[in-house]
PDB file of N, CA and C in Angstrom:
ATOM      1  N   UNK A   1     138.381 196.899 213.610  1.00  0.00           N
ATOM      2  CA  UNK A   1     137.091 196.705 214.225  1.00  0.00           C
ATOM      3  C   UNK A   1     136.540 195.353 213.781  1.00  0.00           C
ATOM      4  N   UNK A   2     136.535 194.366 214.667  1.00  0.00           N
ATOM      5  CA  UNK A   2     136.089 193.034 214.313  1.00  0.00           C
ATOM      6  C   UNK A   2     134.652 192.800 214.698  1.00  0.00           C
ATOM      7  N   UNK A   3     134.162 191.670 214.285  1.00  0.00           N
ATOM      8  CA  UNK A   3     132.803 191.265 214.633  1.00  0.00           C
ATOM      9  C   UNK A   3     132.885 190.488 215.928  1.00  0.00           C
ATOM     10  N   UNK A   4     132.165 190.904 216.980  1.00  0.00           N
ATOM     11  CA  UNK A   4     132.260 190.199 218.261  1.00  0.00           C
ATOM     12  C   UNK A   4     131.696 188.792 218.165  1.00  0.00           C
ATOM     13  N   UNK A   5     132.317 187.893 218.917  1.00  0.00           N
ATOM     14  CA  UNK A   5     131.841 186.517 218.951  1.00  0.00           C
ATOM     15  C   UNK A   5     130.538 186.458 219.733  1.00  0.00           C
ATOM     16  N   UNK A   6     129.655 185.583 219.318  1.00  0.00           N
ATOM     17  CA  UNK A   6     128.359 185.452 219.971  1.00  0.00           C
ATOM     18  C   UNK A   6     128.396 184.275 220.930  1.00  0.00           C
ATOM     19  N   UNK A   7     127.719 184.417 222.056  1.00  0.00           N
ATOM     20  CA  UNK A   7     127.665 183.323 223.010  1.00  0.00           C
ATOM     21  C   UNK A   7     126.322 182.603 222.956  1.00  0.00           C
ATOM     22  N   UNK A   8     125.369 183.157 222.251  1.00  0.00           N
ATOM     23  CA  UNK A   8     124.072 182.488 222.157  1.00  0.00           C
ATOM     24  C   UNK A   8     123.951 181.790 220.810  1.00  0.00           C
ATOM     25  N   UNK A   9     122.875 181.081 220.615  1.00  0.00           N
ATOM     26  CA  UNK A   9     122.713 180.307 219.385  1.00  0.00           C
ATOM     27  C   UNK A   9     122.104 181.118 218.250  1.00  0.00           C
ATOM     28  N   UNK A  10     121.745 182.354 218.508  1.00  0.00           N
ATOM     29  CA  UNK A  10     121.141 183.204 217.482  1.00  0.00           C
ATOM     30  C   UNK A  10     122.212 183.690 216.520  1.00  0.00           C
ATOM     31  N   UNK A  11     121.981 183.600 215.195  1.00  0.00           N
ATOM     32  CA  UNK A  11     122.990 184.091 214.248  1.00  0.00           C
ATOM     33  C   UNK A  11     123.211 185.582 214.407  1.00  0.00           C
ATOM     34  N   UNK A  12     124.432 186.006 214.176  1.00  0.00           N
ATOM     35  CA  UNK A  12     124.789 187.405 214.343  1.00  0.00           C
ATOM     36  C   UNK A  12     125.314 187.958 213.035  1.00  0.00           C
ATOM     37  N   UNK A  13     125.669 189.240 213.026  1.00  0.00           N
ATOM     38  CA  UNK A  13     126.238 189.868 211.847  1.00  0.00           C
ATOM     39  C   UNK A  13     125.211 190.024 210.754  1.00  0.00           C
ATOM     40  N   UNK A  14     125.652 189.869 209.517  1.00  0.00           N
ATOM     41  CA  UNK A  14     124.771 190.060 208.370  1.00  0.00           C
ATOM     42  C   UNK A  14     123.640 189.044 208.394  1.00  0.00           C
ATOM     43  N   UNK A  15     123.972 187.791 208.673  1.00  0.00           N
ATOM     44  CA  UNK A  15     122.950 186.747 208.652  1.00  0.00           C
ATOM     45  C   UNK A  15     121.914 186.952 209.750  1.00  0.00           C
ATOM     46  N   UNK A  16     122.292 187.647 210.816  1.00  0.00           N
ATOM     47  CA  UNK A  16     121.374 187.862 211.926  1.00  0.00           C
ATOM     48  C   UNK A  16     120.446 189.028 211.722  1.00  0.00           C
ATOM     49  N   UNK A  17     120.613 189.778 210.671  1.00  0.00           N
ATOM     50  CA  UNK A  17     119.745 190.915 210.402  1.00  0.00           C
ATOM     51  C   UNK A  17     120.337 192.197 210.930  1.00  0.00           C
ATOM     52  N   UNK A  18     119.562 193.219 210.936  1.00  0.00           N
ATOM     53  CA  UNK A  18     120.012 194.543 211.351  1.00  0.00           C
ATOM     54  C   UNK A  18     119.527 194.797 212.765  1.00  0.00           C
ATOM     55  N   UNK A  19     120.451 195.238 213.603  1.00  0.00           N
ATOM     56  CA  UNK A  19     120.084 195.538 214.981  1.00  0.00           C
ATOM     57  C   UNK A  19     119.292 196.838 215.053  1.00  0.00           C
ATOM     58  N   UNK A  20     118.411 196.909 216.045  1.00  0.00           N
ATOM     59  CA  UNK A  20     117.679 198.150 216.290  1.00  0.00           C
ATOM     60  C   UNK A  20     118.572 199.043 217.128  1.00  0.00           C
ATOM     61  N   UNK A  21     119.130 200.074 216.504  1.00  0.00           N
ATOM     62  CA  UNK A  21     120.004 200.987 217.223  1.00  0.00           C
ATOM     63  C   UNK A  21     119.300 202.301 217.545  1.00  0.00           C
ATOM     64  N   UNK A  22     118.014 202.390 217.245  1.00  0.00           N
ATOM     65  CA  UNK A  22     117.287 203.640 217.443  1.00  0.00           C
ATOM     66  C   UNK A  22     116.765 203.791 218.869  1.00  0.00           C
ATOM     67  N   UNK A  23     116.728 202.719 219.619  1.00  0.00           N
ATOM     68  CA  UNK A  23     116.317 202.838 221.008  1.00  0.00           C
ATOM     69  C   UNK A  23     114.862 202.595 221.270  1.00  0.00           C
ATOM     70  N   UNK A  24     113.928 202.944 220.547  1.00  0.00           N
ATOM     71  CA  UNK A  24     112.501 202.952 220.821  1.00  0.00           C
ATOM     72  C   UNK A  24     111.962 201.846 221.702  1.00  0.00           C
ATOM     73  N   UNK A  25     110.733 201.992 222.106  1.00  0.00           N
ATOM     74  CA  UNK A  25     110.104 201.042 223.008  1.00  0.00           C
ATOM     75  C   UNK A  25     109.566 199.827 222.271  1.00  0.00           C
ATOM     76  N   UNK A  26     109.509 199.876 220.960  1.00  0.00           N
ATOM     77  CA  UNK A  26     108.973 198.767 220.195  1.00  0.00           C
ATOM     78  C   UNK A  26     107.471 198.876 219.980  1.00  0.00           C
ATOM     79  N   UNK A  27     106.841 199.836 220.608  1.00  0.00           N
ATOM     80  CA  UNK A  27     105.405 200.019 220.441  1.00  0.00           C
ATOM     81  C   UNK A  27     105.126 200.871 219.211  1.00  0.00           C
ATOM     82  N   UNK A  28     104.028 200.550 218.536  1.00  0.00           N
ATOM     83  CA  UNK A  28     103.647 201.303 217.346  1.00  0.00           C
ATOM     84  C   UNK A  28     102.880 202.551 217.786  1.00  0.00           C
ATOM     85  N   UNK A  29     103.305 203.729 217.325  1.00  0.00           N
ATOM     86  CA  UNK A  29     102.569 204.954 217.686  1.00  0.00           C
ATOM     87  C   UNK A  29     101.117 204.880 217.213  1.00  0.00           C
ATOM     88  N   UNK A  30     100.247 205.586 217.891  1.00  0.00           N
ATOM     89  CA  UNK A  30      98.819 205.551 217.562  1.00  0.00           C
ATOM     90  C   UNK A  30      98.522 206.070 216.169  1.00  0.00           C
ATOM     91  N   UNK A  31      99.411 206.902 215.605  1.00  0.00           N
ATOM     92  CA  UNK A  31      99.152 207.407 214.258  1.00  0.00           C
ATOM     93  C   UNK A  31      99.411 206.342 213.190  1.00  0.00           C
ATOM     94  N   UNK A  32      99.911 205.168 213.594  1.00  0.00           N
ATOM     95  CA  UNK A  32     100.128 204.057 212.659  1.00  0.00           C
ATOM     96  C   UNK A  32      99.333 202.841 213.126  1.00  0.00           C
ATOM     97  N   UNK A  33      98.011 202.892 213.022  1.00  0.00           N
ATOM     98  CA  UNK A  33      97.202 201.757 213.494  1.00  0.00           C
ATOM     99  C   UNK A  33      97.433 200.515 212.627  1.00  0.00           C
ATOM    100  N   UNK A  34      97.284 199.355 213.229  1.00  0.00           N
ATOM    101  CA  UNK A  34      97.478 198.105 212.500  1.00  0.00           C
ATOM    102  C   UNK A  34      96.235 197.831 211.658  1.00  0.00           C
ATOM    103  N   UNK A  35      96.423 197.899 210.366  1.00  0.00           N
ATOM    104  CA  UNK A  35      95.353 197.609 209.422  1.00  0.00           C
ATOM    105  C   UNK A  35      95.690 196.285 208.740  1.00  0.00           C
ATOM    106  N   UNK A  36      94.730 195.652 208.081  1.00  0.00           N
ATOM    107  CA  UNK A  36      95.036 194.416 207.360  1.00  0.00           C
ATOM    108  C   UNK A  36      96.145 194.618 206.311  1.00  0.00           C
ATOM    109  N   UNK A  37      96.125 195.762 205.655  1.00  0.00           N
ATOM    110  CA  UNK A  37      97.157 196.039 204.641  1.00  0.00           C
ATOM    111  C   UNK A  37      98.534 196.157 205.283  1.00  0.00           C
ATOM    112  N   UNK A  38      98.587 196.858 206.405  1.00  0.00           N
ATOM    113  CA  UNK A  38      99.858 197.029 207.120  1.00  0.00           C
ATOM    114  C   UNK A  38     100.365 195.683 207.638  1.00  0.00           C
ATOM    115  N   UNK A  39      99.467 194.869 208.175  1.00  0.00           N
ATOM    116  CA  UNK A  39      99.847 193.541 208.664  1.00  0.00           C
ATOM    117  C   UNK A  39     100.400 192.685 207.525  1.00  0.00           C
ATOM    118  N   UNK A  40      99.792 192.759 206.353  1.00  0.00           N
ATOM    119  CA  UNK A  40     100.260 192.000 205.187  1.00  0.00           C
ATOM    120  C   UNK A  40     101.639 192.482 204.748  1.00  0.00           C
ATOM    121  N   UNK A  41     101.865 193.790 204.738  1.00  0.00           N
ATOM    122  CA  UNK A  41     103.180 194.322 204.374  1.00  0.00           C
ATOM    123  C   UNK A  41     104.253 193.874 205.364  1.00  0.00           C
ATOM    124  N   UNK A  42     103.907 193.862 206.640  1.00  0.00           N
ATOM    125  CA  UNK A  42     104.858 193.408 207.658  1.00  0.00           C
ATOM    126  C   UNK A  42     105.172 191.930 207.454  1.00  0.00           C
ATOM    127  N   UNK A  43     104.156 191.124 207.162  1.00  0.00           N
ATOM    128  CA  UNK A  43     104.369 189.700 206.924  1.00  0.00           C
ATOM    129  C   UNK A  43     105.274 189.485 205.708  1.00  0.00           C
ATOM    130  N   UNK A  44     105.021 190.239 204.635  1.00  0.00           N
ATOM    131  CA  UNK A  44     105.846 190.128 203.436  1.00  0.00           C
ATOM    132  C   UNK A  44     107.289 190.541 203.713  1.00  0.00           C
ATOM    133  N   UNK A  45     107.461 191.604 204.494  1.00  0.00           N
ATOM    134  CA  UNK A  45     108.815 192.056 204.830  1.00  0.00           C
ATOM    135  C   UNK A  45     109.553 190.990 205.635  1.00  0.00           C
ATOM    136  N   UNK A  46     108.860 190.359 206.577  1.00  0.00           N
ATOM    137  CA  UNK A  46     109.486 189.292 207.363  1.00  0.00           C
ATOM    138  C   UNK A  46     109.873 188.119 206.468  1.00  0.00           C
ATOM    139  N   UNK A  47     109.007 187.756 205.528  1.00  0.00           N
ATOM    140  CA  UNK A  47     109.310 186.667 204.596  1.00  0.00           C
ATOM    141  C   UNK A  47     110.554 186.990 203.762  1.00  0.00           C
ATOM    142  N   UNK A  48     110.637 188.233 203.295  1.00  0.00           N
ATOM    143  CA  UNK A  48     111.793 188.653 202.490  1.00  0.00           C
ATOM    144  C   UNK A  48     113.062 188.595 203.322  1.00  0.00           C
ATOM    145  N   UNK A  49     112.998 189.090 204.555  1.00  0.00           N
ATOM    146  CA  UNK A  49     114.178 189.058 205.421  1.00  0.00           C
ATOM    147  C   UNK A  49     114.620 187.632 205.729  1.00  0.00           C
ATOM    148  N   UNK A  50     113.666 186.722 205.943  1.00  0.00           N
ATOM    149  CA  UNK A  50     114.013 185.331 206.203  1.00  0.00           C
ATOM    150  C   UNK A  50     114.660 184.694 204.978  1.00  0.00           C
ATOM    151  N   UNK A  51     114.154 185.006 203.795  1.00  0.00           N
ATOM    152  CA  UNK A  51     114.739 184.470 202.569  1.00  0.00           C
ATOM    153  C   UNK A  51     116.166 184.987 202.377  1.00  0.00           C
ATOM    154  N   UNK A  52     116.366 186.281 202.645  1.00  0.00           N
ATOM    155  CA  UNK A  52     117.714 186.860 202.539  1.00  0.00           C
ATOM    156  C   UNK A  52     118.653 186.207 203.543  1.00  0.00           C
ATOM    157  N   UNK A  53     118.171 185.975 204.759  1.00  0.00           N
ATOM    158  CA  UNK A  53     119.004 185.360 205.784  1.00  0.00           C
ATOM    159  C   UNK A  53     119.420 183.953 205.354  1.00  0.00           C
ATOM    160  N   UNK A  54     118.482 183.170 204.818  1.00  0.00           N
ATOM    161  CA  UNK A  54     118.810 181.819 204.360  1.00  0.00           C
ATOM    162  C   UNK A  54     119.820 181.861 203.224  1.00  0.00           C
ATOM    163  N   UNK A  55     119.674 182.821 202.307  1.00  0.00           N
ATOM    164  CA  UNK A  55     120.604 182.954 201.195  1.00  0.00           C
ATOM    165  C   UNK A  55     122.001 183.286 201.714  1.00  0.00           C
ATOM    166  N   UNK A  56     122.077 184.214 202.658  1.00  0.00           N
ATOM    167  CA  UNK A  56     123.361 184.613 203.218  1.00  0.00           C
ATOM    168  C   UNK A  56     123.999 183.437 203.961  1.00  0.00           C
ATOM    169  N   UNK A  57     123.204 182.713 204.730  1.00  0.00           N
ATOM    170  CA  UNK A  57     123.735 181.577 205.482  1.00  0.00           C
ATOM    171  C   UNK A  57     124.241 180.467 204.566  1.00  0.00           C
ATOM    172  N   UNK A  58     123.740 180.409 203.335  1.00  0.00           N
ATOM    173  CA  UNK A  58     124.183 179.371 202.409  1.00  0.00           C
ATOM    174  C   UNK A  58     125.508 179.727 201.730  1.00  0.00           C
ATOM    175  N   UNK A  59     125.960 180.980 201.882  1.00  0.00           N
ATOM    176  CA  UNK A  59     127.230 181.389 201.283  1.00  0.00           C
ATOM    177  C   UNK A  59     128.401 180.751 202.028  1.00  0.00           C
ATOM    178  N   UNK A  60     129.491 180.475 201.316  1.00  0.00           N
ATOM    179  CA  UNK A  60     130.701 180.014 202.004  1.00  0.00           C
ATOM    180  C   UNK A  60     131.209 181.103 202.952  1.00  0.00           C
ATOM    181  N   UNK A  61     131.920 180.702 203.992  1.00  0.00           N
ATOM    182  CA  UNK A  61     132.370 181.641 205.029  1.00  0.00           C
ATOM    183  C   UNK A  61     133.130 182.857 204.479  1.00  0.00           C
ATOM    184  N   UNK A  62     134.065 182.708 203.532  1.00  0.00           N
ATOM    185  CA  UNK A  62     134.775 183.910 203.053  1.00  0.00           C
ATOM    186  C   UNK A  62     133.829 184.948 202.434  1.00  0.00           C
ATOM    187  N   UNK A  63     132.839 184.498 201.672  1.00  0.00           N
ATOM    188  CA  UNK A  63     131.893 185.440 201.064  1.00  0.00           C
ATOM    189  C   UNK A  63     130.998 186.068 202.131  1.00  0.00           C
ATOM    190  N   UNK A  64     130.612 185.288 203.132  1.00  0.00           N
ATOM    191  CA  UNK A  64     129.791 185.826 204.214  1.00  0.00           C
ATOM    192  C   UNK A  64     130.555 186.916 204.963  1.00  0.00           C
ATOM    193  N   UNK A  65     131.838 186.662 205.195  1.00  0.00           N
ATOM    194  CA  UNK A  65     132.663 187.642 205.899  1.00  0.00           C
ATOM    195  C   UNK A  65     132.783 188.924 205.069  1.00  0.00           C
ATOM    196  N   UNK A  66     133.009 188.788 203.766  1.00  0.00           N
ATOM    197  CA  UNK A  66     133.104 189.957 202.893  1.00  0.00           C
ATOM    198  C   UNK A  66     131.796 190.735 202.888  1.00  0.00           C
ATOM    199  N   UNK A  67     130.682 190.025 202.863  1.00  0.00           N
ATOM    200  CA  UNK A  67     129.376 190.675 202.873  1.00  0.00           C
ATOM    201  C   UNK A  67     129.159 191.429 204.187  1.00  0.00           C
ATOM    202  N   UNK A  68     129.580 190.833 205.299  1.00  0.00           N
ATOM    203  CA  UNK A  68     129.456 191.494 206.599  1.00  0.00           C
ATOM    204  C   UNK A  68     130.299 192.774 206.633  1.00  0.00           C
ATOM    205  N   UNK A  69     131.518 192.702 206.089  1.00  0.00           N
ATOM    206  CA  UNK A  69     132.376 193.886 206.050  1.00  0.00           C
ATOM    207  C   UNK A  69     131.768 194.974 205.170  1.00  0.00           C
ATOM    208  N   UNK A  70     131.218 194.581 204.033  1.00  0.00           N
ATOM    209  CA  UNK A  70     130.585 195.537 203.131  1.00  0.00           C
ATOM    210  C   UNK A  70     129.386 196.212 203.804  1.00  0.00           C
ATOM    211  N   UNK A  71     128.563 195.420 204.486  1.00  0.00           N
ATOM    212  CA  UNK A  71     127.395 195.973 205.183  1.00  0.00           C
ATOM    213  C   UNK A  71     127.842 196.949 206.263  1.00  0.00           C
ATOM    214  N   UNK A  72     128.897 196.594 207.005  1.00  0.00           N
ATOM    215  CA  UNK A  72     129.412 197.478 208.049  1.00  0.00           C
ATOM    216  C   UNK A  72     129.912 198.788 207.442  1.00  0.00           C
ATOM    217  N   UNK A  73     130.626 198.694 206.330  1.00  0.00           N
ATOM    218  CA  UNK A  73     131.140 199.884 205.655  1.00  0.00           C
ATOM    219  C   UNK A  73     129.999 200.771 205.175  1.00  0.00           C
ATOM    220  N   UNK A  74     128.968 200.169 204.588  1.00  0.00           N
ATOM    221  CA  UNK A  74     127.831 200.950 204.092  1.00  0.00           C
ATOM    222  C   UNK A  74     127.121 201.664 205.242  1.00  0.00           C
ATOM    223  N   UNK A  75     126.933 200.969 206.372  1.00  0.00           N
ATOM    224  CA  UNK A  75     126.277 201.594 207.518  1.00  0.00           C
ATOM    225  C   UNK A  75     127.140 202.718 208.094  1.00  0.00           C
ATOM    226  N   UNK A  76     128.436 202.528 208.089  1.00  0.00           N
ATOM    227  CA  UNK A  76     129.351 203.558 208.575  1.00  0.00           C
ATOM    228  C   UNK A  76     129.279 204.808 207.699  1.00  0.00           C
ATOM    229  N   UNK A  77     129.271 204.620 206.391  1.00  0.00           N
ATOM    230  CA  UNK A  77     129.172 205.744 205.454  1.00  0.00           C
ATOM    231  C   UNK A  77     127.846 206.469 205.650  1.00  0.00           C
ATOM    232  N   UNK A  78     126.759 205.713 205.776  1.00  0.00           N
ATOM    233  CA  UNK A  78     125.444 206.325 205.974  1.00  0.00           C
ATOM    234  C   UNK A  78     125.404 207.127 207.267  1.00  0.00           C
ATOM    235  N   UNK A  79     125.993 206.587 208.318  1.00  0.00           N
ATOM    236  CA  UNK A  79     126.026 207.280 209.603  1.00  0.00           C
ATOM    237  C   UNK A  79     126.790 208.593 209.486  1.00  0.00           C
ATOM    238  N   UNK A  80     127.907 208.577 208.786  1.00  0.00           N
ATOM    239  CA  UNK A  80     128.686 209.803 208.605  1.00  0.00           C
ATOM    240  C   UNK A  80     127.922 210.824 207.773  1.00  0.00           C
ATOM    241  N   UNK A  81     127.204 210.351 206.762  1.00  0.00           N
ATOM    242  CA  UNK A  81     126.406 211.262 205.944  1.00  0.00           C
ATOM    243  C   UNK A  81     125.299 211.887 206.773  1.00  0.00           C
ATOM    244  N   UNK A  82     124.645 211.066 207.604  1.00  0.00           N
ATOM    245  CA  UNK A  82     123.579 211.584 208.463  1.00  0.00           C
ATOM    246  C   UNK A  82     124.114 212.643 209.418  1.00  0.00           C
ATOM    247  N   UNK A  83     125.294 212.401 209.991  1.00  0.00           N
ATOM    248  CA  UNK A  83     125.891 213.361 210.919  1.00  0.00           C
ATOM    249  C   UNK A  83     126.251 214.654 210.208  1.00  0.00           C
ATOM    250  N   UNK A  84     126.778 214.556 208.977  1.00  0.00           N
ATOM    251  CA  UNK A  84     127.167 215.772 208.252  1.00  0.00           C
ATOM    252  C   UNK A  84     125.937 216.573 207.818  1.00  0.00           C
ATOM    253  N   UNK A  85     124.816 215.903 207.549  1.00  0.00           N
ATOM    254  CA  UNK A  85     123.589 216.608 207.183  1.00  0.00           C
ATOM    255  C   UNK A  85     123.010 217.369 208.373  1.00  0.00           C
ATOM    256  N   UNK A  86     123.206 216.855 209.583  1.00  0.00           N
ATOM    257  CA  UNK A  86     122.687 217.506 210.785  1.00  0.00           C
ATOM    258  C   UNK A  86     123.495 218.743 211.143  1.00  0.00           C
ATOM    259  N   UNK A  87     124.755 218.775 210.713  1.00  0.00           N
ATOM    260  CA  UNK A  87     125.637 219.911 211.061  1.00  0.00           C
ATOM    261  C   UNK A  87     125.345 221.131 210.235  1.00  0.00           C
TER     262      UNK A  87
END
């Protein structure tokens, strides 16, 4: 199972972040109103993700590839655990 090649200029794989595989509409449910505290937490999370992305992009290609494989393996294990818990 390889990493598909990208045709756009947006980074993919580990450096590109985590894809939204849950499907949702992207809208925040009414039970989670946007408060100043929530907005600040979201801003901090975005800053952390950008810093992680820059760190990953600065790695040499072999280490980046290993990190991508490790992330894929971890997500695969988590998915299998989630499926076994539902059964």
